[in-house]
Amino acid sequence: MSDRNLPHGPHGMPADRFTEAGEGFVDLLEANWKLLVGLVVVIIMTVSGAVAFKRASETRQADLQGQVAAIASIYPGDPDATVPPGAEAAAVAAEKYQAFLNEGAEGPALYMAQINLGRTLEATGDTDKAGASYREALSAPAPFAAVAHMRLGYLAANAGQHTDAAEHFKQAASADRSLAAQASLEMAYMAEISGDTGLAITRYVEVAKAHPESPQEAEARSRIRVLGGDPAELLGENVPEPVAMPTGNTEAPAEPATDAAAPADTSGESR
């Protein structure tokens, strides 16, 4: 009997062949059930392993950050302090940070340690090694890289390298909006220190416009005045308001009319 004479199944396949295909699939399952079960087990183990690995990574990162925090407690002070006991504590902390990094830190803990190492080295007066540690952190995600740029900017400024400092501050402002106000103000300082008054005023105006009602805006206005500028004028705050043109009838008002006649002469005298 030809296929045309057979009743058709739901997918257009002749009914008996549809049945044969189903039986073939069952035979395939029976022949390979161990392999299929193994595949399922592998998939489950892979997913479970990924979850376990993520949890283990999070636990390790928490532990690493805890170690960084413990070191930071040794020297939590002003990174610019270079006198005892700050320098002594900073030296101890710097040694511990370096040992921590040598053990193969990773993730945020790595970047935190690199930046903190730089800050402690600054406090001990070793600015060359501090700069090297900050540069290691430049490849970190934006928030960490921005802090590294800020510290490199300060190092360059203190060394008289104002152009390099301004570039680091510019990079910091671009990388982290939370540092943009201070970084932009530092760029203006660099222009002022370099003797470029025009550029300095321009940058101070930009700071005041971009960061209203901030400490940086107040400082920018102050520096503009010191440099001989008028902050209100430069910021467009004292532009006179346009005079409103009168509307309606613009003719001068008429003299008030008086209906009272001139008083009569009642003296009774005739000349």
C-alpha atoms as a PDB file:
ATOM      1  CA  MET A   1       0.000   0.000   0.000  1.00  0.00           C
ATOM      2  CA  SER A   2       1.342   3.436  -0.893  1.00  0.00           C
ATOM      3  CA  ASP A   3       1.728   6.274   1.572  1.00  0.00           C
ATOM      4  CA  ARG A   4      -1.191   8.138  -0.034  1.00  0.00           C
ATOM      5  CA  ASN A   5      -3.568   5.419   1.021  1.00  0.00           C
ATOM      6  CA  LEU A   6      -2.541   5.467   4.666  1.00  0.00           C
ATOM      7  CA  PRO A   7      -4.281   7.616   7.287  1.00  0.00           C
ATOM      8  CA  HIS A   8      -2.056  10.571   8.262  1.00  0.00           C
ATOM      9  CA  GLY A   9      -0.920  11.551  11.752  1.00  0.00           C
ATOM     10  CA  PRO A  10      -0.918  15.058  13.176  1.00  0.00           C
ATOM     11  CA  HIS A  11       2.300  16.125  11.416  1.00  0.00           C
ATOM     12  CA  GLY A  12       1.415  14.856   7.999  1.00  0.00           C
ATOM     13  CA  MET A  13       3.399  11.644   8.480  1.00  0.00           C
ATOM     14  CA  PRO A  14       1.613   8.400   7.681  1.00  0.00           C
ATOM     15  CA  ALA A  15       0.189   6.985  10.897  1.00  0.00           C
ATOM     16  CA  ASP A  16       2.164   3.752  10.865  1.00  0.00           C
ATOM     17  CA  ARG A  17       5.429   5.573  10.217  1.00  0.00           C
ATOM     18  CA  PHE A  18       4.599   8.055  12.960  1.00  0.00           C
ATOM     19  CA  THR A  19       4.239   5.074  15.304  1.00  0.00           C
ATOM     20  CA  GLU A  20       7.474   3.580  14.034  1.00  0.00           C
ATOM     21  CA  ALA A  21       9.303   6.857  14.700  1.00  0.00           C
ATOM     22  CA  GLY A  22       7.991   6.932  18.256  1.00  0.00           C
ATOM     23  CA  GLU A  23       9.084   3.369  18.819  1.00  0.00           C
ATOM     24  CA  GLY A  24      12.490   4.200  17.391  1.00  0.00           C
ATOM     25  CA  PHE A  25      12.862   7.091  19.841  1.00  0.00           C
ATOM     26  CA  VAL A  26      11.968   4.793  22.729  1.00  0.00           C
ATOM     27  CA  ASP A  27      14.550   2.291  21.513  1.00  0.00           C
ATOM     28  CA  LEU A  28      17.130   5.115  21.377  1.00  0.00           C
ATOM     29  CA  LEU A  29      16.371   6.095  24.974  1.00  0.00           C
ATOM     30  CA  GLU A  30      16.621   2.486  26.144  1.00  0.00           C
ATOM     31  CA  ALA A  31      19.916   1.993  24.372  1.00  0.00           C
ATOM     32  CA  ASN A  32      21.507   5.205  25.621  1.00  0.00           C
ATOM     33  CA  TRP A  33      19.825   5.877  28.966  1.00  0.00           C
ATOM     34  CA  LYS A  34      23.064   5.644  30.895  1.00  0.00           C
ATOM     35  CA  LEU A  35      24.672   8.229  28.635  1.00  0.00           C
ATOM     36  CA  LEU A  36      21.684  10.559  28.952  1.00  0.00           C
ATOM     37  CA  VAL A  37      21.603  10.229  32.728  1.00  0.00           C
ATOM     38  CA  GLY A  38      25.318  10.976  32.785  1.00  0.00           C
ATOM     39  CA  LEU A  39      24.791  14.139  30.739  1.00  0.00           C
ATOM     40  CA  VAL A  40      22.070  15.325  33.108  1.00  0.00           C
ATOM     41  CA  VAL A  41      24.334  14.679  36.080  1.00  0.00           C
ATOM     42  CA  VAL A  42      27.168  16.598  34.412  1.00  0.00           C
ATOM     43  CA  ILE A  43      24.884  19.580  33.750  1.00  0.00           C
ATOM     44  CA  ILE A  44      23.632  19.608  37.351  1.00  0.00           C
ATOM     45  CA  MET A  45      27.176  19.340  38.674  1.00  0.00           C
ATOM     46  CA  THR A  46      28.341  22.146  36.376  1.00  0.00           C
ATOM     47  CA  VAL A  47      25.592  24.500  37.571  1.00  0.00           C
ATOM     48  CA  SER A  48      26.169  23.523  41.193  1.00  0.00           C
ATOM     49  CA  GLY A  49      29.899  23.975  40.725  1.00  0.00           C
ATOM     50  CA  ALA A  50      29.420  27.457  39.268  1.00  0.00           C
ATOM     51  CA  VAL A  51      27.259  28.479  42.219  1.00  0.00           C
ATOM     52  CA  ALA A  52      29.747  27.025  44.681  1.00  0.00           C
ATOM     53  CA  PHE A  53      32.651  28.744  42.910  1.00  0.00           C
ATOM     54  CA  LYS A  54      30.848  32.092  43.042  1.00  0.00           C
ATOM     55  CA  ARG A  55      30.179  31.677  46.753  1.00  0.00           C
ATOM     56  CA  ALA A  56      33.773  30.665  47.391  1.00  0.00           C
ATOM     57  CA  SER A  57      35.028  33.676  45.405  1.00  0.00           C
ATOM     58  CA  GLU A  58      32.791  36.027  47.368  1.00  0.00           C
ATOM     59  CA  THR A  59      33.987  34.501  50.631  1.00  0.00           C
ATOM     60  CA  ARG A  60      37.628  34.832  49.583  1.00  0.00           C
ATOM     61  CA  GLN A  61      37.124  38.446  48.510  1.00  0.00           C
ATOM     62  CA  ALA A  62      35.462  39.278  51.820  1.00  0.00           C
ATOM     63  CA  ASP A  63      38.405  37.700  53.623  1.00  0.00           C
ATOM     64  CA  LEU A  64      40.929  39.645  51.508  1.00  0.00           C
ATOM     65  CA  GLN A  65      39.141  42.929  52.109  1.00  0.00           C
ATOM     66  CA  GLY A  66      39.099  42.135  55.814  1.00  0.00           C
ATOM     67  CA  GLN A  67      42.876  41.761  55.697  1.00  0.00           C
ATOM     68  CA  VAL A  68      43.214  45.133  53.953  1.00  0.00           C
ATOM     69  CA  ALA A  69      41.002  46.749  56.592  1.00  0.00           C
ATOM     70  CA  ALA A  70      43.151  45.241  59.341  1.00  0.00           C
ATOM     71  CA  ILE A  71      46.289  46.725  57.796  1.00  0.00           C
ATOM     72  CA  ALA A  72      44.566  50.070  57.320  1.00  0.00           C
ATOM     73  CA  SER A  73      43.847  50.201  61.033  1.00  0.00           C
ATOM     74  CA  ILE A  74      47.607  50.439  61.610  1.00  0.00           C
ATOM     75  CA  TYR A  75      47.841  53.666  59.657  1.00  0.00           C
ATOM     76  CA  PRO A  76      44.415  55.257  59.085  1.00  0.00           C
ATOM     77  CA  GLY A  77      45.725  58.814  59.316  1.00  0.00           C
ATOM     78  CA  ASP A  78      46.471  61.674  56.984  1.00  0.00           C
ATOM     79  CA  PRO A  79      48.399  60.362  53.950  1.00  0.00           C
ATOM     80  CA  ASP A  80      50.318  63.648  53.829  1.00  0.00           C
ATOM     81  CA  ALA A  81      51.636  63.244  57.387  1.00  0.00           C
ATOM     82  CA  THR A  82      55.386  62.673  57.165  1.00  0.00           C
ATOM     83  CA  VAL A  83      56.372  63.095  60.806  1.00  0.00           C
ATOM     84  CA  PRO A  84      56.409  60.539  63.622  1.00  0.00           C
ATOM     85  CA  PRO A  85      54.464  58.723  64.826  1.00  0.00           C
ATOM     86  CA  GLY A  86      52.603  58.812  61.507  1.00  0.00           C
ATOM     87  CA  ALA A  87      55.649  57.934  59.431  1.00  0.00           C
ATOM     88  CA  GLU A  88      56.557  55.030  61.696  1.00  0.00           C
ATOM     89  CA  ALA A  89      53.048  53.599  61.574  1.00  0.00           C
ATOM     90  CA  ALA A  90      52.934  54.196  57.814  1.00  0.00           C
ATOM     91  CA  ALA A  91      56.164  52.253  57.334  1.00  0.00           C
ATOM     92  CA  VAL A  92      54.768  49.269  59.229  1.00  0.00           C
ATOM     93  CA  ALA A  93      51.538  49.410  57.209  1.00  0.00           C
ATOM     94  CA  ALA A  94      53.450  49.735  53.926  1.00  0.00           C
ATOM     95  CA  GLU A  95      55.442  46.594  54.722  1.00  0.00           C
ATOM     96  CA  LYS A  96      52.266  44.657  55.460  1.00  0.00           C
ATOM     97  CA  TYR A  97      50.538  45.918  52.304  1.00  0.00           C
ATOM     98  CA  GLN A  98      53.505  44.796  50.219  1.00  0.00           C
ATOM     99  CA  ALA A  99      53.462  41.349  51.817  1.00  0.00           C
ATOM    100  CA  PHE A 100      49.719  41.123  51.198  1.00  0.00           C
ATOM    101  CA  LEU A 101      50.180  41.978  47.517  1.00  0.00           C
ATOM    102  CA  ASN A 102      53.009  39.471  47.169  1.00  0.00           C
ATOM    103  CA  GLU A 103      50.611  36.711  48.222  1.00  0.00           C
ATOM    104  CA  GLY A 104      48.517  37.192  45.091  1.00  0.00           C
ATOM    105  CA  ALA A 105      45.558  39.369  46.021  1.00  0.00           C
ATOM    106  CA  GLU A 106      42.807  39.885  43.467  1.00  0.00           C
ATOM    107  CA  GLY A 107      39.686  41.926  42.763  1.00  0.00           C
ATOM    108  CA  PRO A 108      38.745  45.006  44.794  1.00  0.00           C
ATOM    109  CA  ALA A 109      41.049  43.967  47.635  1.00  0.00           C
ATOM    110  CA  LEU A 110      43.991  44.129  45.225  1.00  0.00           C
ATOM    111  CA  TYR A 111      43.143  47.657  44.070  1.00  0.00           C
ATOM    112  CA  MET A 112      42.509  48.848  47.621  1.00  0.00           C
ATOM    113  CA  ALA A 113      45.867  47.504  48.741  1.00  0.00           C
ATOM    114  CA  GLN A 114      47.698  49.111  45.809  1.00  0.00           C
ATOM    115  CA  ILE A 115      46.221  52.530  46.562  1.00  0.00           C
ATOM    116  CA  ASN A 116      46.675  52.214  50.315  1.00  0.00           C
ATOM    117  CA  LEU A 117      50.272  51.122  49.806  1.00  0.00           C
ATOM    118  CA  GLY A 118      50.850  54.254  47.771  1.00  0.00           C
ATOM    119  CA  ARG A 119      49.337  56.445  50.467  1.00  0.00           C
ATOM    120  CA  THR A 120      51.473  54.905  53.208  1.00  0.00           C
ATOM    121  CA  LEU A 121      54.599  55.247  51.063  1.00  0.00           C
ATOM    122  CA  GLU A 122      53.767  58.916  50.547  1.00  0.00           C
ATOM    123  CA  ALA A 123      53.616  59.326  54.299  1.00  0.00           C
ATOM    124  CA  THR A 124      57.088  57.832  54.650  1.00  0.00           C
ATOM    125  CA  GLY A 125      58.394  60.206  51.975  1.00  0.00           C
ATOM    126  CA  ASP A 126      59.049  57.532  49.329  1.00  0.00           C
ATOM    127  CA  THR A 127      57.146  59.241  46.531  1.00  0.00           C
ATOM    128  CA  ASP A 128      58.797  57.223  43.748  1.00  0.00           C
ATOM    129  CA  LYS A 129      57.509  53.910  45.091  1.00  0.00           C
ATOM    130  CA  ALA A 130      54.186  55.546  45.921  1.00  0.00           C
ATOM    131  CA  GLY A 131      53.807  56.643  42.318  1.00  0.00           C
ATOM    132  CA  ALA A 132      54.656  53.147  41.107  1.00  0.00           C
ATOM    133  CA  SER A 133      51.957  51.659  43.332  1.00  0.00           C
ATOM    134  CA  TYR A 134      49.375  54.155  42.085  1.00  0.00           C
ATOM    135  CA  ARG A 135      50.265  53.399  38.479  1.00  0.00           C
ATOM    136  CA  GLU A 136      49.645  49.711  39.168  1.00  0.00           C
ATOM    137  CA  ALA A 137      46.079  50.681  40.140  1.00  0.00           C
ATOM    138  CA  LEU A 138      45.388  52.613  36.931  1.00  0.00           C
ATOM    139  CA  SER A 139      44.189  49.389  35.275  1.00  0.00           C
ATOM    140  CA  ALA A 140      41.575  48.906  38.013  1.00  0.00           C
ATOM    141  CA  PRO A 141      37.865  49.687  37.539  1.00  0.00           C
ATOM    142  CA  ALA A 142      36.950  53.366  37.311  1.00  0.00           C
ATOM    143  CA  PRO A 143      36.421  54.273  40.997  1.00  0.00           C
ATOM    144  CA  PHE A 144      39.831  52.876  42.001  1.00  0.00           C
ATOM    145  CA  ALA A 145      41.603  54.215  38.910  1.00  0.00           C
ATOM    146  CA  ALA A 146      40.146  57.672  39.580  1.00  0.00           C
ATOM    147  CA  VAL A 147      41.636  57.738  43.084  1.00  0.00           C
ATOM    148  CA  ALA A 148      44.977  56.603  41.683  1.00  0.00           C
ATOM    149  CA  HIS A 149      44.864  59.442  39.133  1.00  0.00           C
ATOM    150  CA  MET A 150      44.108  61.957  41.888  1.00  0.00           C
ATOM    151  CA  ARG A 151      47.088  60.805  43.966  1.00  0.00           C
ATOM    152  CA  LEU A 152      49.377  60.825  40.923  1.00  0.00           C
ATOM    153  CA  GLY A 153      48.142  64.334  40.187  1.00  0.00           C
ATOM    154  CA  TYR A 154      49.103  65.509  43.667  1.00  0.00           C
ATOM    155  CA  LEU A 155      52.522  63.875  43.367  1.00  0.00           C
ATOM    156  CA  ALA A 156      53.125  65.573  40.027  1.00  0.00           C
ATOM    157  CA  ALA A 157      51.915  68.935  41.356  1.00  0.00           C
ATOM    158  CA  ASN A 158      54.249  68.722  44.348  1.00  0.00           C
ATOM    159  CA  ALA A 159      57.090  67.947  41.949  1.00  0.00           C
ATOM    160  CA  GLY A 160      56.284  71.046  39.877  1.00  0.00           C
ATOM    161  CA  GLN A 161      54.986  68.996  36.942  1.00  0.00           C
ATOM    162  CA  HIS A 162      51.810  71.008  36.543  1.00  0.00           C
ATOM    163  CA  THR A 163      50.914  69.841  33.030  1.00  0.00           C
ATOM    164  CA  ASP A 164      51.161  66.163  34.023  1.00  0.00           C
ATOM    165  CA  ALA A 165      49.224  66.896  37.199  1.00  0.00           C
ATOM    166  CA  ALA A 166      46.407  68.569  35.281  1.00  0.00           C
ATOM    167  CA  GLU A 167      46.159  65.559  32.964  1.00  0.00           C
ATOM    168  CA  HIS A 168      45.833  63.174  35.907  1.00  0.00           C
ATOM    169  CA  PHE A 169      43.137  65.370  37.445  1.00  0.00           C
ATOM    170  CA  LYS A 170      41.324  65.427  34.108  1.00  0.00           C
ATOM    171  CA  GLN A 171      41.389  61.623  33.951  1.00  0.00           C
ATOM    172  CA  ALA A 172      40.091  61.399  37.520  1.00  0.00           C
ATOM    173  CA  ALA A 173      37.206  63.759  36.757  1.00  0.00           C
ATOM    174  CA  SER A 174      36.241  61.643  33.738  1.00  0.00           C
ATOM    175  CA  ALA A 175      36.498  58.324  35.573  1.00  0.00           C
ATOM    176  CA  ASP A 176      34.469  59.152  38.673  1.00  0.00           C
ATOM    177  CA  ARG A 177      31.779  61.831  38.866  1.00  0.00           C
ATOM    178  CA  SER A 178      32.053  61.931  42.640  1.00  0.00           C
ATOM    179  CA  LEU A 179      35.598  63.293  42.246  1.00  0.00           C
ATOM    180  CA  ALA A 180      34.809  65.612  39.337  1.00  0.00           C
ATOM    181  CA  ALA A 181      34.329  68.789  41.388  1.00  0.00           C
ATOM    182  CA  GLN A 182      37.618  68.542  43.266  1.00  0.00           C
ATOM    183  CA  ALA A 183      39.555  67.234  40.271  1.00  0.00           C
ATOM    184  CA  SER A 184      38.303  70.110  38.108  1.00  0.00           C
ATOM    185  CA  LEU A 185      39.250  72.600  40.806  1.00  0.00           C
ATOM    186  CA  GLU A 186      42.740  71.096  40.937  1.00  0.00           C
ATOM    187  CA  MET A 187      43.024  71.562  37.161  1.00  0.00           C
ATOM    188  CA  ALA A 188      42.247  75.250  37.618  1.00  0.00           C
ATOM    189  CA  TYR A 189      44.883  75.481  40.373  1.00  0.00           C
ATOM    190  CA  MET A 190      47.460  74.011  37.999  1.00  0.00           C
ATOM    191  CA  ALA A 191      46.687  76.634  35.370  1.00  0.00           C
ATOM    192  CA  GLU A 192      46.937  79.410  37.960  1.00  0.00           C
ATOM    193  CA  ILE A 193      50.237  78.118  39.362  1.00  0.00           C
ATOM    194  CA  SER A 194      51.592  77.849  35.812  1.00  0.00           C
ATOM    195  CA  GLY A 195      50.856  81.543  35.286  1.00  0.00           C
ATOM    196  CA  ASP A 196      48.082  81.086  32.731  1.00  0.00           C
ATOM    197  CA  THR A 197      45.560  83.450  34.328  1.00  0.00           C
ATOM    198  CA  GLY A 198      43.116  83.326  31.438  1.00  0.00           C
ATOM    199  CA  LEU A 199      42.914  79.536  31.445  1.00  0.00           C
ATOM    200  CA  ALA A 200      42.712  79.489  35.233  1.00  0.00           C
ATOM    201  CA  ILE A 201      39.731  81.864  35.262  1.00  0.00           C
ATOM    202  CA  THR A 202      38.046  79.843  32.520  1.00  0.00           C
ATOM    203  CA  ARG A 203      38.442  76.657  34.544  1.00  0.00           C
ATOM    204  CA  TYR A 204      37.256  78.288  37.745  1.00  0.00           C
ATOM    205  CA  VAL A 205      34.151  79.496  35.924  1.00  0.00           C
ATOM    206  CA  GLU A 206      33.549  75.966  34.638  1.00  0.00           C
ATOM    207  CA  VAL A 207      33.807  74.616  38.191  1.00  0.00           C
ATOM    208  CA  ALA A 208      31.353  77.202  39.524  1.00  0.00           C
ATOM    209  CA  LYS A 209      28.852  76.463  36.759  1.00  0.00           C
ATOM    210  CA  ALA A 210      29.121  72.677  36.889  1.00  0.00           C
ATOM    211  CA  HIS A 211      29.058  72.320  40.679  1.00  0.00           C
ATOM    212  CA  PRO A 212      26.751  74.962  42.163  1.00  0.00           C
ATOM    213  CA  GLU A 213      26.315  75.180  45.923  1.00  0.00           C
ATOM    214  CA  SER A 214      29.439  73.114  46.573  1.00  0.00           C
ATOM    215  CA  PRO A 215      32.612  73.966  48.492  1.00  0.00           C
ATOM    216  CA  GLN A 216      34.443  73.878  45.174  1.00  0.00           C
ATOM    217  CA  GLU A 217      32.123  76.530  43.725  1.00  0.00           C
ATOM    218  CA  ALA A 218      32.842  78.866  46.653  1.00  0.00           C
ATOM    219  CA  GLU A 219      36.584  78.339  46.244  1.00  0.00           C
ATOM    220  CA  ALA A 220      36.355  78.903  42.483  1.00  0.00           C
ATOM    221  CA  ARG A 221      34.539  82.226  42.983  1.00  0.00           C
ATOM    222  CA  SER A 222      37.177  83.280  45.503  1.00  0.00           C
ATOM    223  CA  ARG A 223      40.033  82.487  43.119  1.00  0.00           C
ATOM    224  CA  ILE A 224      38.314  84.381  40.292  1.00  0.00           C
ATOM    225  CA  ARG A 225      38.218  87.506  42.492  1.00  0.00           C
ATOM    226  CA  VAL A 226      41.884  87.076  43.446  1.00  0.00           C
ATOM    227  CA  LEU A 227      42.766  86.920  39.751  1.00  0.00           C
ATOM    228  CA  GLY A 228      40.863  90.152  39.085  1.00  0.00           C
ATOM    229  CA  GLY A 229      37.686  88.727  37.646  1.00  0.00           C
ATOM    230  CA  ASP A 230      34.084  89.369  38.576  1.00  0.00           C
ATOM    231  CA  PRO A 231      32.408  86.019  39.304  1.00  0.00           C
ATOM    232  CA  ALA A 232      28.894  87.417  38.961  1.00  0.00           C
ATOM    233  CA  GLU A 233      29.649  88.930  35.588  1.00  0.00           C
ATOM    234  CA  LEU A 234      31.534  85.906  34.296  1.00  0.00           C
ATOM    235  CA  LEU A 235      28.740  83.617  35.433  1.00  0.00           C
ATOM    236  CA  GLY A 236      26.081  85.838  33.855  1.00  0.00           C
ATOM    237  CA  GLU A 237      24.466  86.715  37.150  1.00  0.00           C
ATOM    238  CA  ASN A 238      24.421  90.525  36.937  1.00  0.00           C
ATOM    239  CA  VAL A 239      23.068  90.938  33.437  1.00  0.00           C
ATOM    240  CA  PRO A 240      20.385  93.653  33.643  1.00  0.00           C
ATOM    241  CA  GLU A 241      16.841  92.533  33.038  1.00  0.00           C
ATOM    242  CA  PRO A 242      15.346  93.742  29.746  1.00  0.00           C
ATOM    243  CA  VAL A 243      13.023  96.725  30.163  1.00  0.00           C
ATOM    244  CA  ALA A 244       9.421  95.707  29.573  1.00  0.00           C
ATOM    245  CA  MET A 245       7.793  97.619  26.718  1.00  0.00           C
ATOM    246  CA  PRO A 246       4.466  99.288  27.601  1.00  0.00           C
ATOM    247  CA  THR A 247       1.362  97.779  26.092  1.00  0.00           C
ATOM    248  CA  GLY A 248      -1.996  99.249  25.113  1.00  0.00           C
ATOM    249  CA  ASN A 249      -2.562 103.039  24.819  1.00  0.00           C
ATOM    250  CA  THR A 250       0.777 104.863  24.896  1.00  0.00           C
ATOM    251  CA  GLU A 251      -0.551 108.456  24.538  1.00  0.00           C
ATOM    252  CA  ALA A 252       0.205 110.904  27.321  1.00  0.00           C
ATOM    253  CA  PRO A 253      -2.673 111.272  29.734  1.00  0.00           C
ATOM    254  CA  ALA A 254      -4.906 114.329  29.117  1.00  0.00           C
ATOM    255  CA  GLU A 255      -4.981 117.225  31.578  1.00  0.00           C
ATOM    256  CA  PRO A 256      -7.639 116.638  34.206  1.00  0.00           C
ATOM    257  CA  ALA A 257     -10.853 118.444  33.266  1.00  0.00           C
ATOM    258  CA  THR A 258     -12.323 121.038  35.694  1.00  0.00           C
ATOM    259  CA  ASP A 259     -16.007 121.911  35.514  1.00  0.00           C
ATOM    260  CA  ALA A 260     -15.870 124.604  38.209  1.00  0.00           C
ATOM    261  CA  ALA A 261     -16.077 128.203  36.883  1.00  0.00           C
ATOM    262  CA  ALA A 262     -13.759 130.906  38.117  1.00  0.00           C
ATOM    263  CA  PRO A 263     -15.069 132.360  41.369  1.00  0.00           C
ATOM    264  CA  ALA A 264     -17.176 135.568  40.917  1.00  0.00           C
ATOM    265  CA  ASP A 265     -16.008 138.880  42.293  1.00  0.00           C
ATOM    266  CA  THR A 266     -18.062 139.443  45.439  1.00  0.00           C
ATOM    267  CA  SER A 267     -16.189 142.390  46.844  1.00  0.00           C
ATOM    268  CA  GLY A 268     -18.960 144.777  45.736  1.00  0.00           C
ATOM    269  CA  GLU A 269     -16.409 147.399  44.767  1.00  0.00           C
ATOM    270  CA  SER A 270     -16.702 148.982  41.353  1.00  0.00           C
ATOM    271  CA  ARG A 271     -13.975 150.939  39.794  1.00  0.00           C
END
